[in-house]
Amino acid sequence: MISAPEKSVRSKRIVEYLLQKKLLTVEQVEEIEKFRAEIGWSFAKICLTYGYVSRRKWSEILKEIGFEIVDLKNQKIDKGIVSYLNLLIMDQYLGVPIRRENGKVV
């Protein structure tokens, strides 16, 4: 589960980081963005599904730029939150809600 700012800000930060660290080229980012526009997948899902970035590296990147990565094995899951599960949202954001925090589902 990822806790971070608004989606567009997150995507921009990730893309800038990937380019800065030379993990992706401008051409690859353009290719991913074109594919994203065609099929509607998230930038992350395309990168991970098509091997632009490994899952391990993606987690490292998110941590390095300030995202919180939660190991679900070590979390108490609020069973009431399960009713909020929406497969389309989970697929798009590559995450699931696990509890309420300060009135928000995270």
PDB file of N, CA and C in Angstrom:
ATOM      1  N   MET A   1       0.851  -1.179   0.000  1.00  0.00           N
ATOM      2  CA  MET A   1       0.000   0.000   0.000  1.00  0.00           C
ATOM      3  C   MET A   1       0.887   1.229   0.000  1.00  0.00           C
ATOM      4  N   ILE A   2       0.505   2.222  -0.758  1.00  0.00           N
ATOM      5  CA  ILE A   2       1.302   3.429  -0.883  1.00  0.00           C
ATOM      6  C   ILE A   2       0.522   4.604  -0.319  1.00  0.00           C
ATOM      7  N   SER A   3       1.164   5.390   0.515  1.00  0.00           N
ATOM      8  CA  SER A   3       0.550   6.594   1.030  1.00  0.00           C
ATOM      9  C   SER A   3       1.353   7.777   0.499  1.00  0.00           C
ATOM     10  N   ALA A   4       0.703   8.656  -0.270  1.00  0.00           N
ATOM     11  CA  ALA A   4       1.439   9.757  -0.865  1.00  0.00           C
ATOM     12  C   ALA A   4       0.485  10.836  -1.359  1.00  0.00           C
ATOM     13  N   PRO A   5       1.045  11.937  -1.903  1.00  0.00           N
ATOM     14  CA  PRO A   5       0.218  13.044  -2.386  1.00  0.00           C
ATOM     15  C   PRO A   5      -0.636  12.673  -3.589  1.00  0.00           C
ATOM     16  N   GLU A   6      -1.334  13.681  -4.105  1.00  0.00           N
ATOM     17  CA  GLU A   6      -2.224  13.525  -5.254  1.00  0.00           C
ATOM     18  C   GLU A   6      -1.561  12.760  -6.394  1.00  0.00           C
ATOM     19  N   LYS A   7      -2.378  11.978  -7.120  1.00  0.00           N
ATOM     20  CA  LYS A   7      -1.884  11.066  -8.151  1.00  0.00           C
ATOM     21  C   LYS A   7      -1.008  11.747  -9.197  1.00  0.00           C
ATOM     22  N   SER A   8      -1.437  12.875  -9.766  1.00  0.00           N
ATOM     23  CA  SER A   8      -0.652  13.522 -10.825  1.00  0.00           C
ATOM     24  C   SER A   8       0.701  13.999 -10.309  1.00  0.00           C
ATOM     25  N   VAL A   9       0.741  14.468  -9.084  1.00  0.00           N
ATOM     26  CA  VAL A   9       2.002  14.903  -8.473  1.00  0.00           C
ATOM     27  C   VAL A   9       2.904  13.700  -8.273  1.00  0.00           C
ATOM     28  N   ARG A  10       2.325  12.595  -7.806  1.00  0.00           N
ATOM     29  CA  ARG A  10       3.105  11.366  -7.603  1.00  0.00           C
ATOM     30  C   ARG A  10       3.710  10.903  -8.910  1.00  0.00           C
ATOM     31  N   SER A  11       2.885  10.829  -9.956  1.00  0.00           N
ATOM     32  CA  SER A  11       3.365  10.343 -11.255  1.00  0.00           C
ATOM     33  C   SER A  11       4.501  11.210 -11.771  1.00  0.00           C
ATOM     34  N   LYS A  12       4.348  12.515 -11.661  1.00  0.00           N
ATOM     35  CA  LYS A  12       5.384  13.431 -12.142  1.00  0.00           C
ATOM     36  C   LYS A  12       6.689  13.226 -11.368  1.00  0.00           C
ATOM     37  N   ARG A  13       6.597  13.079 -10.052  1.00  0.00           N
ATOM     38  CA  ARG A  13       7.797  12.860  -9.234  1.00  0.00           C
ATOM     39  C   ARG A  13       8.491  11.567  -9.619  1.00  0.00           C
ATOM     40  N   ILE A  14       7.708  10.528  -9.858  1.00  0.00           N
ATOM     41  CA  ILE A  14       8.289   9.231 -10.212  1.00  0.00           C
ATOM     42  C   ILE A  14       8.977   9.311 -11.560  1.00  0.00           C
ATOM     43  N   VAL A  15       8.295   9.907 -12.548  1.00  0.00           N
ATOM     44  CA  VAL A  15       8.883  10.030 -13.892  1.00  0.00           C
ATOM     45  C   VAL A  15      10.170  10.846 -13.840  1.00  0.00           C
ATOM     46  N   GLU A  16      10.151  11.978 -13.143  1.00  0.00           N
ATOM     47  CA  GLU A  16      11.355  12.818 -13.025  1.00  0.00           C
ATOM     48  C   GLU A  16      12.503  12.038 -12.384  1.00  0.00           C
ATOM     49  N   TYR A  17      12.190  11.267 -11.350  1.00  0.00           N
ATOM     50  CA  TYR A  17      13.208  10.479 -10.670  1.00  0.00           C
ATOM     51  C   TYR A  17      13.790   9.422 -11.607  1.00  0.00           C
ATOM     52  N   LEU A  18      12.923   8.705 -12.313  1.00  0.00           N
ATOM     53  CA  LEU A  18      13.370   7.662 -13.238  1.00  0.00           C
ATOM     54  C   LEU A  18      14.281   8.242 -14.325  1.00  0.00           C
ATOM     55  N   LEU A  19      13.939   9.412 -14.812  1.00  0.00           N
ATOM     56  CA  LEU A  19      14.774  10.064 -15.823  1.00  0.00           C
ATOM     57  C   LEU A  19      16.098  10.539 -15.223  1.00  0.00           C
ATOM     58  N   GLN A  20      16.023  11.166 -14.064  1.00  0.00           N
ATOM     59  CA  GLN A  20      17.226  11.688 -13.398  1.00  0.00           C
ATOM     60  C   GLN A  20      18.234  10.574 -13.112  1.00  0.00           C
ATOM     61  N   LYS A  21      17.738   9.431 -12.659  1.00  0.00           N
ATOM     62  CA  LYS A  21      18.614   8.305 -12.320  1.00  0.00           C
ATOM     63  C   LYS A  21      18.960   7.451 -13.531  1.00  0.00           C
ATOM     64  N   LYS A  22      18.478   7.875 -14.708  1.00  0.00           N
ATOM     65  CA  LYS A  22      18.741   7.167 -15.972  1.00  0.00           C
ATOM     66  C   LYS A  22      18.222   5.718 -15.944  1.00  0.00           C
ATOM     67  N   LEU A  23      17.108   5.533 -15.223  1.00  0.00           N
ATOM     68  CA  LEU A  23      16.465   4.229 -15.194  1.00  0.00           C
ATOM     69  C   LEU A  23      15.529   4.072 -16.388  1.00  0.00           C
ATOM     70  N   LEU A  24      15.082   5.199 -16.926  1.00  0.00           N
ATOM     71  CA  LEU A  24      14.308   5.237 -18.163  1.00  0.00           C
ATOM     72  C   LEU A  24      14.849   6.371 -19.026  1.00  0.00           C
ATOM     73  N   THR A  25      14.689   6.228 -20.333  1.00  0.00           N
ATOM     74  CA  THR A  25      15.051   7.304 -21.256  1.00  0.00           C
ATOM     75  C   THR A  25      13.795   8.125 -21.567  1.00  0.00           C
ATOM     76  N   VAL A  26      14.003   9.297 -22.137  1.00  0.00           N
ATOM     77  CA  VAL A  26      12.873  10.137 -22.555  1.00  0.00           C
ATOM     78  C   VAL A  26      12.020   9.360 -23.555  1.00  0.00           C
ATOM     79  N   GLU A  27      12.667   8.631 -24.432  1.00  0.00           N
ATOM     80  CA  GLU A  27      11.941   7.855 -25.439  1.00  0.00           C
ATOM     81  C   GLU A  27      11.069   6.779 -24.780  1.00  0.00           C
ATOM     82  N   GLN A  28      11.599   6.130 -23.751  1.00  0.00           N
ATOM     83  CA  GLN A  28      10.820   5.105 -23.056  1.00  0.00           C
ATOM     84  C   GLN A  28       9.618   5.722 -22.344  1.00  0.00           C
ATOM     85  N   VAL A  29       9.826   6.884 -21.729  1.00  0.00           N
ATOM     86  CA  VAL A  29       8.719   7.569 -21.046  1.00  0.00           C
ATOM     87  C   VAL A  29       7.641   7.925 -22.069  1.00  0.00           C
ATOM     88  N   GLU A  30       8.050   8.428 -23.231  1.00  0.00           N
ATOM     89  CA  GLU A  30       7.088   8.761 -24.280  1.00  0.00           C
ATOM     90  C   GLU A  30       6.333   7.517 -24.746  1.00  0.00           C
ATOM     91  N   GLU A  31       7.040   6.421 -24.870  1.00  0.00           N
ATOM     92  CA  GLU A  31       6.426   5.148 -25.273  1.00  0.00           C
ATOM     93  C   GLU A  31       5.399   4.695 -24.227  1.00  0.00           C
ATOM     94  N   ILE A  32       5.769   4.785 -22.968  1.00  0.00           N
ATOM     95  CA  ILE A  32       4.870   4.390 -21.878  1.00  0.00           C
ATOM     96  C   ILE A  32       3.641   5.300 -21.853  1.00  0.00           C
ATOM     97  N   GLU A  33       3.848   6.604 -22.008  1.00  0.00           N
ATOM     98  CA  GLU A  33       2.733   7.558 -21.994  1.00  0.00           C
ATOM     99  C   GLU A  33       1.776   7.300 -23.160  1.00  0.00           C
ATOM    100  N   LYS A  34       2.320   6.972 -24.325  1.00  0.00           N
ATOM    101  CA  LYS A  34       1.481   6.664 -25.484  1.00  0.00           C
ATOM    102  C   LYS A  34       0.653   5.410 -25.205  1.00  0.00           C
ATOM    103  N   PHE A  35       1.304   4.404 -24.670  1.00  0.00           N
ATOM    104  CA  PHE A  35       0.620   3.157 -24.337  1.00  0.00           C
ATOM    105  C   PHE A  35      -0.451   3.412 -23.278  1.00  0.00           C
ATOM    106  N   ARG A  36      -0.123   4.232 -22.307  1.00  0.00           N
ATOM    107  CA  ARG A  36      -1.064   4.568 -21.231  1.00  0.00           C
ATOM    108  C   ARG A  36      -2.312   5.234 -21.790  1.00  0.00           C
ATOM    109  N   ALA A  37      -2.128   6.151 -22.740  1.00  0.00           N
ATOM    110  CA  ALA A  37      -3.263   6.830 -23.360  1.00  0.00           C
ATOM    111  C   ALA A  37      -4.139   5.855 -24.150  1.00  0.00           C
ATOM    112  N   GLU A  38      -3.506   4.861 -24.744  1.00  0.00           N
ATOM    113  CA  GLU A  38      -4.244   3.884 -25.554  1.00  0.00           C
ATOM    114  C   GLU A  38      -5.051   2.899 -24.712  1.00  0.00           C
ATOM    115  N   ILE A  39      -4.454   2.403 -23.613  1.00  0.00           N
ATOM    116  CA  ILE A  39      -5.123   1.330 -22.867  1.00  0.00           C
ATOM    117  C   ILE A  39      -5.634   1.748 -21.489  1.00  0.00           C
ATOM    118  N   GLY A  40      -5.228   2.922 -21.012  1.00  0.00           N
ATOM    119  CA  GLY A  40      -5.743   3.411 -19.741  1.00  0.00           C
ATOM    120  C   GLY A  40      -5.095   2.856 -18.487  1.00  0.00           C
ATOM    121  N   TRP A  41      -3.990   2.135 -18.633  1.00  0.00           N
ATOM    122  CA  TRP A  41      -3.286   1.637 -17.454  1.00  0.00           C
ATOM    123  C   TRP A  41      -2.477   2.765 -16.825  1.00  0.00           C
ATOM    124  N   SER A  42      -2.126   2.584 -15.558  1.00  0.00           N
ATOM    125  CA  SER A  42      -1.269   3.565 -14.880  1.00  0.00           C
ATOM    126  C   SER A  42       0.170   3.425 -15.384  1.00  0.00           C
ATOM    127  N   PHE A  43       0.939   4.484 -15.205  1.00  0.00           N
ATOM    128  CA  PHE A  43       2.353   4.489 -15.565  1.00  0.00           C
ATOM    129  C   PHE A  43       3.066   3.342 -14.848  1.00  0.00           C
ATOM    130  N   ALA A  44       2.770   3.196 -13.559  1.00  0.00           N
ATOM    131  CA  ALA A  44       3.404   2.149 -12.750  1.00  0.00           C
ATOM    132  C   ALA A  44       3.083   0.762 -13.290  1.00  0.00           C
ATOM    133  N   LYS A  45       1.820   0.527 -13.608  1.00  0.00           N
ATOM    134  CA  LYS A  45       1.425  -0.800 -14.074  1.00  0.00           C
ATOM    135  C   LYS A  45       2.134  -1.157 -15.376  1.00  0.00           C
ATOM    136  N   ILE A  46       2.273  -0.196 -16.265  1.00  0.00           N
ATOM    137  CA  ILE A  46       2.971  -0.448 -17.532  1.00  0.00           C
ATOM    138  C   ILE A  46       4.441  -0.741 -17.269  1.00  0.00           C
ATOM    139  N   CYS A  47       5.076   0.080 -16.427  1.00  0.00           N
ATOM    140  CA  CYS A  47       6.494  -0.126 -16.112  1.00  0.00           C
ATOM    141  C   CYS A  47       6.733  -1.518 -15.529  1.00  0.00           C
ATOM    142  N   LEU A  48       5.873  -1.937 -14.623  1.00  0.00           N
ATOM    143  CA  LEU A  48       6.052  -3.218 -13.949  1.00  0.00           C
ATOM    144  C   LEU A  48       5.651  -4.399 -14.825  1.00  0.00           C
ATOM    145  N   THR A  49       4.566  -4.267 -15.547  1.00  0.00           N
ATOM    146  CA  THR A  49       4.077  -5.372 -16.377  1.00  0.00           C
ATOM    147  C   THR A  49       5.016  -5.673 -17.534  1.00  0.00           C
ATOM    148  N   TYR A  50       5.559  -4.627 -18.142  1.00  0.00           N
ATOM    149  CA  TYR A  50       6.396  -4.819 -19.323  1.00  0.00           C
ATOM    150  C   TYR A  50       7.894  -4.765 -19.030  1.00  0.00           C
ATOM    151  N   GLY A  51       8.255  -4.770 -17.744  1.00  0.00           N
ATOM    152  CA  GLY A  51       9.649  -4.924 -17.355  1.00  0.00           C
ATOM    153  C   GLY A  51      10.537  -3.712 -17.531  1.00  0.00           C
ATOM    154  N   TYR A  52       9.953  -2.543 -17.647  1.00  0.00           N
ATOM    155  CA  TYR A  52      10.789  -1.339 -17.707  1.00  0.00           C
ATOM    156  C   TYR A  52      11.552  -1.178 -16.389  1.00  0.00           C
ATOM    157  N   VAL A  53      10.883  -1.532 -15.289  1.00  0.00           N
ATOM    158  CA  VAL A  53      11.466  -1.445 -13.947  1.00  0.00           C
ATOM    159  C   VAL A  53      11.007  -2.687 -13.183  1.00  0.00           C
ATOM    160  N   SER A  54      11.913  -3.303 -12.420  1.00  0.00           N
ATOM    161  CA  SER A  54      11.539  -4.479 -11.618  1.00  0.00           C
ATOM    162  C   SER A  54      10.697  -4.038 -10.410  1.00  0.00           C
ATOM    163  N   ARG A  55       9.935  -4.965  -9.868  1.00  0.00           N
ATOM    164  CA  ARG A  55       9.116  -4.657  -8.687  1.00  0.00           C
ATOM    165  C   ARG A  55       9.991  -4.253  -7.501  1.00  0.00           C
ATOM    166  N   ARG A  56      11.101  -4.919  -7.325  1.00  0.00           N
ATOM    167  CA  ARG A  56      12.008  -4.577  -6.225  1.00  0.00           C
ATOM    168  C   ARG A  56      12.545  -3.146  -6.397  1.00  0.00           C
ATOM    169  N   LYS A  57      12.983  -2.830  -7.614  1.00  0.00           N
ATOM    170  CA  LYS A  57      13.516  -1.491  -7.884  1.00  0.00           C
ATOM    171  C   LYS A  57      12.421  -0.439  -7.713  1.00  0.00           C
ATOM    172  N   TRP A  58      11.189  -0.763  -8.148  1.00  0.00           N
ATOM    173  CA  TRP A  58      10.076   0.185  -8.016  1.00  0.00           C
ATOM    174  C   TRP A  58       9.851   0.521  -6.537  1.00  0.00           C
ATOM    175  N   SER A  59       9.875  -0.490  -5.674  1.00  0.00           N
ATOM    176  CA  SER A  59       9.703  -0.256  -4.235  1.00  0.00           C
ATOM    177  C   SER A  59      10.826   0.623  -3.691  1.00  0.00           C
ATOM    178  N   GLU A  60      12.054   0.352  -4.118  1.00  0.00           N
ATOM    179  CA  GLU A  60      13.198   1.164  -3.678  1.00  0.00           C
ATOM    180  C   GLU A  60      13.030   2.619  -4.115  1.00  0.00           C
ATOM    181  N   ILE A  61      12.605   2.812  -5.344  1.00  0.00           N
ATOM    182  CA  ILE A  61      12.407   4.164  -5.890  1.00  0.00           C
ATOM    183  C   ILE A  61      11.364   4.904  -5.062  1.00  0.00           C
ATOM    184  N   LEU A  62      10.233   4.250  -4.814  1.00  0.00           N
ATOM    185  CA  LEU A  62       9.169   4.906  -4.049  1.00  0.00           C
ATOM    186  C   LEU A  62       9.652   5.310  -2.662  1.00  0.00           C
ATOM    187  N   LYS A  63      10.398   4.438  -2.005  1.00  0.00           N
ATOM    188  CA  LYS A  63      10.945   4.767  -0.684  1.00  0.00           C
ATOM    189  C   LYS A  63      11.898   5.962  -0.773  1.00  0.00           C
ATOM    190  N   GLU A  64      12.759   5.956  -1.793  1.00  0.00           N
ATOM    191  CA  GLU A  64      13.754   7.027  -1.941  1.00  0.00           C
ATOM    192  C   GLU A  64      13.116   8.391  -2.160  1.00  0.00           C
ATOM    193  N   ILE A  65      11.948   8.435  -2.793  1.00  0.00           N
ATOM    194  CA  ILE A  65      11.327   9.745  -3.035  1.00  0.00           C
ATOM    195  C   ILE A  65      10.240  10.074  -2.012  1.00  0.00           C
ATOM    196  N   GLY A  66      10.181   9.276  -0.932  1.00  0.00           N
ATOM    197  CA  GLY A  66       9.347   9.655   0.194  1.00  0.00           C
ATOM    198  C   GLY A  66       8.000   8.970   0.329  1.00  0.00           C
ATOM    199  N   PHE A  67       7.758   7.914  -0.428  1.00  0.00           N
ATOM    200  CA  PHE A  67       6.508   7.185  -0.298  1.00  0.00           C
ATOM    201  C   PHE A  67       6.631   6.175   0.830  1.00  0.00           C
ATOM    202  N   GLU A  68       5.518   5.885   1.457  1.00  0.00           N
ATOM    203  CA  GLU A  68       5.486   4.878   2.518  1.00  0.00           C
ATOM    204  C   GLU A  68       5.047   3.550   1.906  1.00  0.00           C
ATOM    205  N   ILE A  69       5.884   2.537   2.049  1.00  0.00           N
ATOM    206  CA  ILE A  69       5.553   1.197   1.577  1.00  0.00           C
ATOM    207  C   ILE A  69       5.225   0.369   2.817  1.00  0.00           C
ATOM    208  N   VAL A  70       4.064  -0.254   2.821  1.00  0.00           N
ATOM    209  CA  VAL A  70       3.595  -1.000   3.985  1.00  0.00           C
ATOM    210  C   VAL A  70       3.624  -2.489   3.677  1.00  0.00           C
ATOM    211  N   ASP A  71       4.302  -3.254   4.526  1.00  0.00           N
ATOM    212  CA  ASP A  71       4.310  -4.704   4.410  1.00  0.00           C
ATOM    213  C   ASP A  71       3.038  -5.221   5.075  1.00  0.00           C
ATOM    214  N   LEU A  72       2.127  -5.727   4.276  1.00  0.00           N
ATOM    215  CA  LEU A  72       0.829  -6.146   4.799  1.00  0.00           C
ATOM    216  C   LEU A  72       0.917  -7.298   5.786  1.00  0.00           C
ATOM    217  N   LYS A  73       1.996  -8.068   5.726  1.00  0.00           N
ATOM    218  CA  LYS A  73       2.148  -9.181   6.671  1.00  0.00           C
ATOM    219  C   LYS A  73       2.280  -8.671   8.098  1.00  0.00           C
ATOM    220  N   ASN A  74       2.726  -7.439   8.253  1.00  0.00           N
ATOM    221  CA  ASN A  74       2.957  -6.868   9.578  1.00  0.00           C
ATOM    222  C   ASN A  74       1.887  -5.852   9.974  1.00  0.00           C
ATOM    223  N   GLN A  75       0.759  -5.836   9.275  1.00  0.00           N
ATOM    224  CA  GLN A  75      -0.286  -4.855   9.533  1.00  0.00           C
ATOM    225  C   GLN A  75      -1.551  -5.520  10.047  1.00  0.00           C
ATOM    226  N   LYS A  76      -2.227  -4.816  10.929  1.00  0.00           N
ATOM    227  CA  LYS A  76      -3.546  -5.251  11.345  1.00  0.00           C
ATOM    228  C   LYS A  76      -4.528  -4.699  10.311  1.00  0.00           C
ATOM    229  N   ILE A  77      -5.247  -5.593   9.649  1.00  0.00           N
ATOM    230  CA  ILE A  77      -6.180  -5.201   8.604  1.00  0.00           C
ATOM    231  C   ILE A  77      -7.557  -4.984   9.229  1.00  0.00           C
ATOM    232  N   ASP A  78      -8.133  -3.818   8.957  1.00  0.00           N
ATOM    233  CA  ASP A  78      -9.482  -3.494   9.418  1.00  0.00           C
ATOM    234  C   ASP A  78     -10.474  -4.214   8.504  1.00  0.00           C
ATOM    235  N   LYS A  79     -11.139  -5.233   9.032  1.00  0.00           N
ATOM    236  CA  LYS A  79     -12.048  -6.038   8.206  1.00  0.00           C
ATOM    237  C   LYS A  79     -13.209  -5.221   7.653  1.00  0.00           C
ATOM    238  N   GLY A  80     -13.574  -4.145   8.328  1.00  0.00           N
ATOM    239  CA  GLY A  80     -14.641  -3.275   7.827  1.00  0.00           C
ATOM    240  C   GLY A  80     -14.227  -2.538   6.560  1.00  0.00           C
ATOM    241  N   ILE A  81     -12.932  -2.326   6.401  1.00  0.00           N
ATOM    242  CA  ILE A  81     -12.417  -1.627   5.223  1.00  0.00           C
ATOM    243  C   ILE A  81     -12.521  -2.505   3.984  1.00  0.00           C
ATOM    244  N   VAL A  82     -12.543  -3.801   4.170  1.00  0.00           N
ATOM    245  CA  VAL A  82     -12.624  -4.719   3.031  1.00  0.00           C
ATOM    246  C   VAL A  82     -13.821  -4.385   2.152  1.00  0.00           C
ATOM    247  N   SER A  83     -14.883  -3.871   2.754  1.00  0.00           N
ATOM    248  CA  SER A  83     -16.070  -3.517   1.964  1.00  0.00           C
ATOM    249  C   SER A  83     -15.786  -2.389   0.980  1.00  0.00           C
ATOM    250  N   TYR A  84     -14.696  -1.665   1.171  1.00  0.00           N
ATOM    251  CA  TYR A  84     -14.325  -0.585   0.261  1.00  0.00           C
ATOM    252  C   TYR A  84     -13.524  -1.079  -0.946  1.00  0.00           C
ATOM    253  N   LEU A  85     -13.161  -2.345  -0.942  1.00  0.00           N
ATOM    254  CA  LEU A  85     -12.337  -2.865  -2.027  1.00  0.00           C
ATOM    255  C   LEU A  85     -13.054  -2.736  -3.358  1.00  0.00           C
ATOM    256  N   ASN A  86     -12.350  -2.204  -4.312  1.00  0.00           N
ATOM    257  CA  ASN A  86     -12.852  -2.037  -5.673  1.00  0.00           C
ATOM    258  C   ASN A  86     -11.723  -2.499  -6.584  1.00  0.00           C
ATOM    259  N   LEU A  87     -11.957  -3.568  -7.320  1.00  0.00           N
ATOM    260  CA  LEU A  87     -10.890  -4.150  -8.138  1.00  0.00           C
ATOM    261  C   LEU A  87     -10.313  -3.169  -9.146  1.00  0.00           C
ATOM    262  N   LEU A  88     -11.138  -2.322  -9.721  1.00  0.00           N
ATOM    263  CA  LEU A  88     -10.621  -1.356 -10.699  1.00  0.00           C
ATOM    264  C   LEU A  88      -9.666  -0.358 -10.054  1.00  0.00           C
ATOM    265  N   ILE A  89     -10.036   0.117  -8.866  1.00  0.00           N
ATOM    266  CA  ILE A  89      -9.175   1.075  -8.153  1.00  0.00           C
ATOM    267  C   ILE A  89      -7.891   0.395  -7.702  1.00  0.00           C
ATOM    268  N   MET A  90      -8.004  -0.829  -7.150  1.00  0.00           N
ATOM    269  CA  MET A  90      -6.804  -1.546  -6.703  1.00  0.00           C
ATOM    270  C   MET A  90      -5.863  -1.785  -7.873  1.00  0.00           C
ATOM    271  N   ASP A  91      -6.410  -2.148  -9.009  1.00  0.00           N
ATOM    272  CA  ASP A  91      -5.602  -2.406 -10.193  1.00  0.00           C
ATOM    273  C   ASP A  91      -4.931  -1.125 -10.682  1.00  0.00           C
ATOM    274  N   GLN A  92      -5.667  -0.026 -10.689  1.00  0.00           N
ATOM    275  CA  GLN A  92      -5.119   1.237 -11.170  1.00  0.00           C
ATOM    276  C   GLN A  92      -4.005   1.763 -10.273  1.00  0.00           C
ATOM    277  N   TYR A  93      -4.194   1.677  -8.956  1.00  0.00           N
ATOM    278  CA  TYR A  93      -3.229   2.242  -8.018  1.00  0.00           C
ATOM    279  C   TYR A  93      -2.242   1.219  -7.474  1.00  0.00           C
ATOM    280  N   LEU A  94      -2.434  -0.044  -7.825  1.00  0.00           N
ATOM    281  CA  LEU A  94      -1.581  -1.120  -7.328  1.00  0.00           C
ATOM    282  C   LEU A  94      -1.539  -1.119  -5.802  1.00  0.00           C
ATOM    283  N   GLY A  95      -2.711  -0.949  -5.187  1.00  0.00           N
ATOM    284  CA  GLY A  95      -2.787  -0.917  -3.733  1.00  0.00           C
ATOM    285  C   GLY A  95      -4.169  -1.283  -3.245  1.00  0.00           C
ATOM    286  N   VAL A  96      -4.288  -1.502  -1.945  1.00  0.00           N
ATOM    287  CA  VAL A  96      -5.564  -1.826  -1.318  1.00  0.00           C
ATOM    288  C   VAL A  96      -5.715  -1.028  -0.032  1.00  0.00           C
ATOM    289  N   PRO A  97      -6.954  -0.672   0.332  1.00  0.00           N
ATOM    290  CA  PRO A  97      -7.153  -0.005   1.624  1.00  0.00           C
ATOM    291  C   PRO A  97      -7.023  -1.027   2.749  1.00  0.00           C
ATOM    292  N   ILE A  98      -6.393  -0.627   3.855  1.00  0.00           N
ATOM    293  CA  ILE A  98      -6.218  -1.579   4.960  1.00  0.00           C
ATOM    294  C   ILE A  98      -6.751  -1.074   6.288  1.00  0.00           C
ATOM    295  N   ARG A  99      -6.961   0.245   6.405  1.00  0.00           N
ATOM    296  CA  ARG A  99      -7.471   0.776   7.683  1.00  0.00           C
ATOM    297  C   ARG A  99      -7.914   2.223   7.495  1.00  0.00           C
ATOM    298  N   ARG A 100      -8.506   2.771   8.562  1.00  0.00           N
ATOM    299  CA  ARG A 100      -8.847   4.196   8.598  1.00  0.00           C
ATOM    300  C   ARG A 100      -7.788   4.905   9.430  1.00  0.00           C
ATOM    301  N   GLU A 101      -7.388   6.072   8.947  1.00  0.00           N
ATOM    302  CA  GLU A 101      -6.405   6.878   9.650  1.00  0.00           C
ATOM    303  C   GLU A 101      -6.830   8.333   9.546  1.00  0.00           C
ATOM    304  N   ASN A 102      -7.096   8.969  10.679  1.00  0.00           N
ATOM    305  CA  ASN A 102      -7.527  10.369  10.684  1.00  0.00           C
ATOM    306  C   ASN A 102      -8.738  10.588   9.781  1.00  0.00           C
ATOM    307  N   GLY A 103      -9.675   9.641   9.821  1.00  0.00           N
ATOM    308  CA  GLY A 103     -10.903   9.772   9.042  1.00  0.00           C
ATOM    309  C   GLY A 103     -10.783   9.413   7.572  1.00  0.00           C
ATOM    310  N   LYS A 104      -9.616   8.982   7.136  1.00  0.00           N
ATOM    311  CA  LYS A 104      -9.418   8.608   5.745  1.00  0.00           C
ATOM    312  C   LYS A 104      -9.111   7.119   5.641  1.00  0.00           C
ATOM    313  N   VAL A 105      -9.569   6.532   4.540  1.00  0.00           N
ATOM    314  CA  VAL A 105      -9.247   5.127   4.265  1.00  0.00           C
ATOM    315  C   VAL A 105      -7.873   5.097   3.624  1.00  0.00           C
ATOM    316  N   VAL A 106      -6.953   4.332   4.205  1.00  0.00           N
ATOM    317  CA  VAL A 106      -5.584   4.227   3.648  1.00  0.00           C
ATOM    318  C   VAL A 106      -5.220   2.769   3.412  1.00  0.00           C
TER     319      VAL A 106
END
